[in-house]
Amino acid sequence: MQIDASSDRPSDPESDPAPAPTPMVDSRSLLGDGRELKIRHDGEIYRLRVTRNGKLILNK
């Protein structure tokens, strides 16, 4: 049994709603054949790029 921090009473884990699964996309579906893409988020532009070592870097 767990304690619900908001009310300090036990909560039943079986009746608690399960968290929604985090969506996943393959980086190739975003980048295609390219190595860089720009993403607009809340009016700001971010740059997602693939490094020479195949890692992803997100810069503002």
PDB file of N, CA and C in Angstrom:
ATOM      1  N   MET A   1       0.850  -1.175   0.000  1.00  0.00           N
ATOM      2  CA  MET A   1       0.000   0.000   0.000  1.00  0.00           C
ATOM      3  C   MET A   1       0.893   1.233   0.000  1.00  0.00           C
ATOM      4  N   GLN A   2       0.529   2.259  -0.782  1.00  0.00           N
ATOM      5  CA  GLN A   2       1.297   3.493  -0.868  1.00  0.00           C
ATOM      6  C   GLN A   2       0.540   4.615  -0.178  1.00  0.00           C
ATOM      7  N   ILE A   3       1.289   5.613   0.253  1.00  0.00           N
ATOM      8  CA  ILE A   3       0.678   6.791   0.864  1.00  0.00           C
ATOM      9  C   ILE A   3       0.554   7.864  -0.204  1.00  0.00           C
ATOM     10  N   ASP A   4      -0.633   8.417  -0.345  1.00  0.00           N
ATOM     11  CA  ASP A   4      -0.866   9.501  -1.291  1.00  0.00           C
ATOM     12  C   ASP A   4      -0.365  10.781  -0.639  1.00  0.00           C
ATOM     13  N   ALA A   5       0.689  11.379  -1.187  1.00  0.00           N
ATOM     14  CA  ALA A   5       1.326  12.553  -0.583  1.00  0.00           C
ATOM     15  C   ALA A   5       0.378  13.739  -0.518  1.00  0.00           C
ATOM     16  N   SER A   6      -0.584  13.830  -1.424  1.00  0.00           N
ATOM     17  CA  SER A   6      -1.476  14.984  -1.423  1.00  0.00           C
ATOM     18  C   SER A   6      -2.506  14.916  -0.304  1.00  0.00           C
ATOM     19  N   SER A   7      -2.793  13.723   0.205  1.00  0.00           N
ATOM     20  CA  SER A   7      -3.808  13.620   1.248  1.00  0.00           C
ATOM     21  C   SER A   7      -3.344  12.833   2.459  1.00  0.00           C
ATOM     22  N   ASP A   8      -2.117  12.309   2.428  1.00  0.00           N
ATOM     23  CA  ASP A   8      -1.569  11.518   3.531  1.00  0.00           C
ATOM     24  C   ASP A   8      -2.442  10.320   3.891  1.00  0.00           C
ATOM     25  N   ARG A   9      -3.111   9.762   2.916  1.00  0.00           N
ATOM     26  CA  ARG A   9      -3.890   8.554   3.159  1.00  0.00           C
ATOM     27  C   ARG A   9      -3.441   7.481   2.182  1.00  0.00           C
ATOM     28  N   PRO A  10      -3.625   6.245   2.538  1.00  0.00           N
ATOM     29  CA  PRO A  10      -3.195   5.162   1.643  1.00  0.00           C
ATOM     30  C   PRO A  10      -3.934   5.217   0.312  1.00  0.00           C
ATOM     31  N   SER A  11      -3.220   4.908  -0.744  1.00  0.00           N
ATOM     32  CA  SER A  11      -3.861   4.809  -2.056  1.00  0.00           C
ATOM     33  C   SER A  11      -3.696   3.383  -2.552  1.00  0.00           C
ATOM     34  N   ASP A  12      -4.619   2.967  -3.357  1.00  0.00           N
ATOM     35  CA  ASP A  12      -4.605   1.614  -3.897  1.00  0.00           C
ATOM     36  C   ASP A  12      -3.926   1.647  -5.263  1.00  0.00           C
ATOM     37  N   PRO A  13      -2.713   1.057  -5.413  1.00  0.00           N
ATOM     38  CA  PRO A  13      -2.001   1.104  -6.691  1.00  0.00           C
ATOM     39  C   PRO A  13      -2.786   0.491  -7.839  1.00  0.00           C
ATOM     40  N   GLU A  14      -3.675  -0.466  -7.545  1.00  0.00           N
ATOM     41  CA  GLU A  14      -4.456  -1.098  -8.605  1.00  0.00           C
ATOM     42  C   GLU A  14      -5.525  -0.173  -9.156  1.00  0.00           C
ATOM     43  N   SER A  15      -5.998   0.803  -8.369  1.00  0.00           N
ATOM     44  CA  SER A  15      -7.030   1.715  -8.847  1.00  0.00           C
ATOM     45  C   SER A  15      -6.434   3.013  -9.387  1.00  0.00           C
ATOM     46  N   ASP A  16      -5.134   3.266  -9.150  1.00  0.00           N
ATOM     47  CA  ASP A  16      -4.489   4.462  -9.686  1.00  0.00           C
ATOM     48  C   ASP A  16      -4.358   4.316 -11.197  1.00  0.00           C
ATOM     49  N   PRO A  17      -4.671   5.385 -11.948  1.00  0.00           N
ATOM     50  CA  PRO A  17      -4.537   5.272 -13.406  1.00  0.00           C
ATOM     51  C   PRO A  17      -3.070   5.117 -13.803  1.00  0.00           C
ATOM     52  N   ALA A  18      -2.824   4.279 -14.791  1.00  0.00           N
ATOM     53  CA  ALA A  18      -1.455   4.064 -15.275  1.00  0.00           C
ATOM     54  C   ALA A  18      -1.020   5.293 -16.065  1.00  0.00           C
ATOM     55  N   PRO A  19       0.256   5.677 -15.927  1.00  0.00           N
ATOM     56  CA  PRO A  19       0.730   6.824 -16.709  1.00  0.00           C
ATOM     57  C   PRO A  19       0.717   6.483 -18.202  1.00  0.00           C
ATOM     58  N   ALA A  20       0.443   7.489 -19.007  1.00  0.00           N
ATOM     59  CA  ALA A  20       0.426   7.274 -20.460  1.00  0.00           C
ATOM     60  C   ALA A  20       1.839   6.975 -20.937  1.00  0.00           C
ATOM     61  N   PRO A  21       1.997   6.056 -21.876  1.00  0.00           N
ATOM     62  CA  PRO A  21       3.334   5.751 -22.381  1.00  0.00           C
ATOM     63  C   PRO A  21       3.909   6.952 -23.132  1.00  0.00           C
ATOM     64  N   THR A  22       5.214   7.125 -23.017  1.00  0.00           N
ATOM     65  CA  THR A  22       5.891   8.215 -23.706  1.00  0.00           C
ATOM     66  C   THR A  22       5.983   7.882 -25.190  1.00  0.00           C
ATOM     67  N   PRO A  23       5.534   8.810 -26.056  1.00  0.00           N
ATOM     68  CA  PRO A  23       5.637   8.540 -27.495  1.00  0.00           C
ATOM     69  C   PRO A  23       7.098   8.397 -27.919  1.00  0.00           C
ATOM     70  N   MET A  24       7.354   7.569 -28.940  1.00  0.00           N
ATOM     71  CA  MET A  24       8.710   7.382 -29.444  1.00  0.00           C
ATOM     72  C   MET A  24       8.688   7.489 -30.959  1.00  0.00           C
ATOM     73  N   VAL A  25       9.682   8.187 -31.514  1.00  0.00           N
ATOM     74  CA  VAL A  25       9.851   8.257 -32.963  1.00  0.00           C
ATOM     75  C   VAL A  25      11.294   7.908 -33.288  1.00  0.00           C
ATOM     76  N   ASP A  26      11.498   7.325 -34.444  1.00  0.00           N
ATOM     77  CA  ASP A  26      12.846   7.019 -34.902  1.00  0.00           C
ATOM     78  C   ASP A  26      13.455   8.309 -35.442  1.00  0.00           C
ATOM     79  N   SER A  27      14.702   8.586 -35.099  1.00  0.00           N
ATOM     80  CA  SER A  27      15.345   9.825 -35.541  1.00  0.00           C
ATOM     81  C   SER A  27      15.371   9.931 -37.060  1.00  0.00           C
ATOM     82  N   ARG A  28      15.454   8.807 -37.747  1.00  0.00           N
ATOM     83  CA  ARG A  28      15.467   8.835 -39.219  1.00  0.00           C
ATOM     84  C   ARG A  28      14.148   9.344 -39.789  1.00  0.00           C
ATOM     85  N   SER A  29      13.051   9.128 -39.056  1.00  0.00           N
ATOM     86  CA  SER A  29      11.771   9.636 -39.550  1.00  0.00           C
ATOM     87  C   SER A  29      11.721  11.160 -39.452  1.00  0.00           C
ATOM     88  N   LEU A  30      12.497  11.744 -38.548  1.00  0.00           N
ATOM     89  CA  LEU A  30      12.579  13.198 -38.438  1.00  0.00           C
ATOM     90  C   LEU A  30      13.616  13.784 -39.385  1.00  0.00           C
ATOM     91  N   LEU A  31      14.791  13.166 -39.422  1.00  0.00           N
ATOM     92  CA  LEU A  31      15.917  13.711 -40.177  1.00  0.00           C
ATOM     93  C   LEU A  31      15.959  13.264 -41.631  1.00  0.00           C
ATOM     94  N   GLY A  32      15.339  12.149 -41.947  1.00  0.00           N
ATOM     95  CA  GLY A  32      15.432  11.605 -43.298  1.00  0.00           C
ATOM     96  C   GLY A  32      16.887  11.305 -43.626  1.00  0.00           C
ATOM     97  N   ASP A  33      17.331  11.739 -44.798  1.00  0.00           N
ATOM     98  CA  ASP A  33      18.726  11.543 -45.197  1.00  0.00           C
ATOM     99  C   ASP A  33      19.623  12.664 -44.691  1.00  0.00           C
ATOM    100  N   GLY A  34      19.028  13.700 -44.079  1.00  0.00           N
ATOM    101  CA  GLY A  34      19.805  14.848 -43.607  1.00  0.00           C
ATOM    102  C   GLY A  34      20.476  14.583 -42.276  1.00  0.00           C
ATOM    103  N   ARG A  35      21.296  15.525 -41.868  1.00  0.00           N
ATOM    104  CA  ARG A  35      22.001  15.421 -40.591  1.00  0.00           C
ATOM    105  C   ARG A  35      21.590  16.541 -39.641  1.00  0.00           C
ATOM    106  N   GLU A  36      20.638  17.367 -40.063  1.00  0.00           N
ATOM    107  CA  GLU A  36      20.231  18.497 -39.241  1.00  0.00           C
ATOM    108  C   GLU A  36      18.779  18.851 -39.541  1.00  0.00           C
ATOM    109  N   LEU A  37      18.086  19.334 -38.503  1.00  0.00           N
ATOM    110  CA  LEU A  37      16.721  19.799 -38.689  1.00  0.00           C
ATOM    111  C   LEU A  37      16.437  20.882 -37.673  1.00  0.00           C
ATOM    112  N   LYS A  38      15.562  21.800 -38.034  1.00  0.00           N
ATOM    113  CA  LYS A  38      15.171  22.882 -37.128  1.00  0.00           C
ATOM    114  C   LYS A  38      13.788  22.571 -36.582  1.00  0.00           C
ATOM    115  N   ILE A  39      13.628  22.844 -35.281  1.00  0.00           N
ATOM    116  CA  ILE A  39      12.373  22.583 -34.582  1.00  0.00           C
ATOM    117  C   ILE A  39      11.903  23.889 -33.957  1.00  0.00           C
ATOM    118  N   ARG A  40      10.658  24.273 -34.232  1.00  0.00           N
ATOM    119  CA  ARG A  40      10.095  25.464 -33.596  1.00  0.00           C
ATOM    120  C   ARG A  40       9.316  25.002 -32.370  1.00  0.00           C
ATOM    121  N   HIS A  41       9.617  25.598 -31.207  1.00  0.00           N
ATOM    122  CA  HIS A  41       8.946  25.252 -29.952  1.00  0.00           C
ATOM    123  C   HIS A  41       8.691  26.536 -29.185  1.00  0.00           C
ATOM    124  N   ASP A  42       7.427  26.838 -28.920  1.00  0.00           N
ATOM    125  CA  ASP A  42       7.036  28.060 -28.200  1.00  0.00           C
ATOM    126  C   ASP A  42       7.677  29.307 -28.797  1.00  0.00           C
ATOM    127  N   GLY A  43       7.705  29.383 -30.123  1.00  0.00           N
ATOM    128  CA  GLY A  43       8.237  30.564 -30.793  1.00  0.00           C
ATOM    129  C   GLY A  43       9.751  30.610 -30.896  1.00  0.00           C
ATOM    130  N   GLU A  44      10.438  29.635 -30.336  1.00  0.00           N
ATOM    131  CA  GLU A  44      11.903  29.566 -30.399  1.00  0.00           C
ATOM    132  C   GLU A  44      12.303  28.509 -31.421  1.00  0.00           C
ATOM    133  N   ILE A  45      13.450  28.715 -32.065  1.00  0.00           N
ATOM    134  CA  ILE A  45      13.967  27.759 -33.040  1.00  0.00           C
ATOM    135  C   ILE A  45      15.113  26.978 -32.406  1.00  0.00           C
ATOM    136  N   TYR A  46      15.034  25.664 -32.485  1.00  0.00           N
ATOM    137  CA  TYR A  46      16.076  24.766 -31.983  1.00  0.00           C
ATOM    138  C   TYR A  46      16.648  23.994 -33.163  1.00  0.00           C
ATOM    139  N   ARG A  47      17.898  23.593 -33.042  1.00  0.00           N
ATOM    140  CA  ARG A  47      18.566  22.835 -34.099  1.00  0.00           C
ATOM    141  C   ARG A  47      18.927  21.456 -33.561  1.00  0.00           C
ATOM    142  N   LEU A  48      18.432  20.421 -34.202  1.00  0.00           N
ATOM    143  CA  LEU A  48      18.761  19.041 -33.863  1.00  0.00           C
ATOM    144  C   LEU A  48      19.714  18.545 -34.934  1.00  0.00           C
ATOM    145  N   ARG A  49      20.888  18.080 -34.519  1.00  0.00           N
ATOM    146  CA  ARG A  49      21.846  17.611 -35.517  1.00  0.00           C
ATOM    147  C   ARG A  49      22.511  16.324 -35.069  1.00  0.00           C
ATOM    148  N   VAL A  50      23.003  15.590 -36.057  1.00  0.00           N
ATOM    149  CA  VAL A  50      23.726  14.348 -35.823  1.00  0.00           C
ATOM    150  C   VAL A  50      25.214  14.672 -35.896  1.00  0.00           C
ATOM    151  N   THR A  51      25.969  14.267 -34.872  1.00  0.00           N
ATOM    152  CA  THR A  51      27.411  14.516 -34.853  1.00  0.00           C
ATOM    153  C   THR A  51      28.138  13.502 -35.731  1.00  0.00           C
ATOM    154  N   ARG A  52      29.435  13.719 -35.895  1.00  0.00           N
ATOM    155  CA  ARG A  52      30.261  12.765 -36.649  1.00  0.00           C
ATOM    156  C   ARG A  52      30.250  11.386 -36.006  1.00  0.00           C
ATOM    157  N   ASN A  53      30.051  11.350 -34.687  1.00  0.00           N
ATOM    158  CA  ASN A  53      30.022  10.071 -33.964  1.00  0.00           C
ATOM    159  C   ASN A  53      28.628   9.440 -33.926  1.00  0.00           C
ATOM    160  N   GLY A  54      27.664  10.058 -34.603  1.00  0.00           N
ATOM    161  CA  GLY A  54      26.324   9.487 -34.650  1.00  0.00           C
ATOM    162  C   GLY A  54      25.445   9.830 -33.465  1.00  0.00           C
ATOM    163  N   LYS A  55      25.870  10.772 -32.628  1.00  0.00           N
ATOM    164  CA  LYS A  55      25.067  11.193 -31.474  1.00  0.00           C
ATOM    165  C   LYS A  55      24.168  12.355 -31.884  1.00  0.00           C
ATOM    166  N   LEU A  56      23.102  12.576 -31.122  1.00  0.00           N
ATOM    167  CA  LEU A  56      22.203  13.697 -31.379  1.00  0.00           C
ATOM    168  C   LEU A  56      22.505  14.838 -30.424  1.00  0.00           C
ATOM    169  N   ILE A  57      22.481  16.064 -30.959  1.00  0.00           N
ATOM    170  CA  ILE A  57      22.669  17.257 -30.138  1.00  0.00           C
ATOM    171  C   ILE A  57      21.538  18.224 -30.467  1.00  0.00           C
ATOM    172  N   LEU A  58      20.910  18.783 -29.423  1.00  0.00           N
ATOM    173  CA  LEU A  58      19.860  19.779 -29.590  1.00  0.00           C
ATOM    174  C   LEU A  58      20.385  21.095 -29.045  1.00  0.00           C
ATOM    175  N   ASN A  59      20.427  22.126 -29.906  1.00  0.00           N
ATOM    176  CA  ASN A  59      20.902  23.451 -29.513  1.00  0.00           C
ATOM    177  C   ASN A  59      19.804  24.472 -29.748  1.00  0.00           C
ATOM    178  N   LYS A  60      19.827  25.516 -28.938  1.00  0.00           N
ATOM    179  CA  LYS A  60      18.901  26.630 -29.118  1.00  0.00           C
ATOM    180  C   LYS A  60      19.533  27.639 -30.031  1.00  0.00           C
TER     181      LYS A  60
END
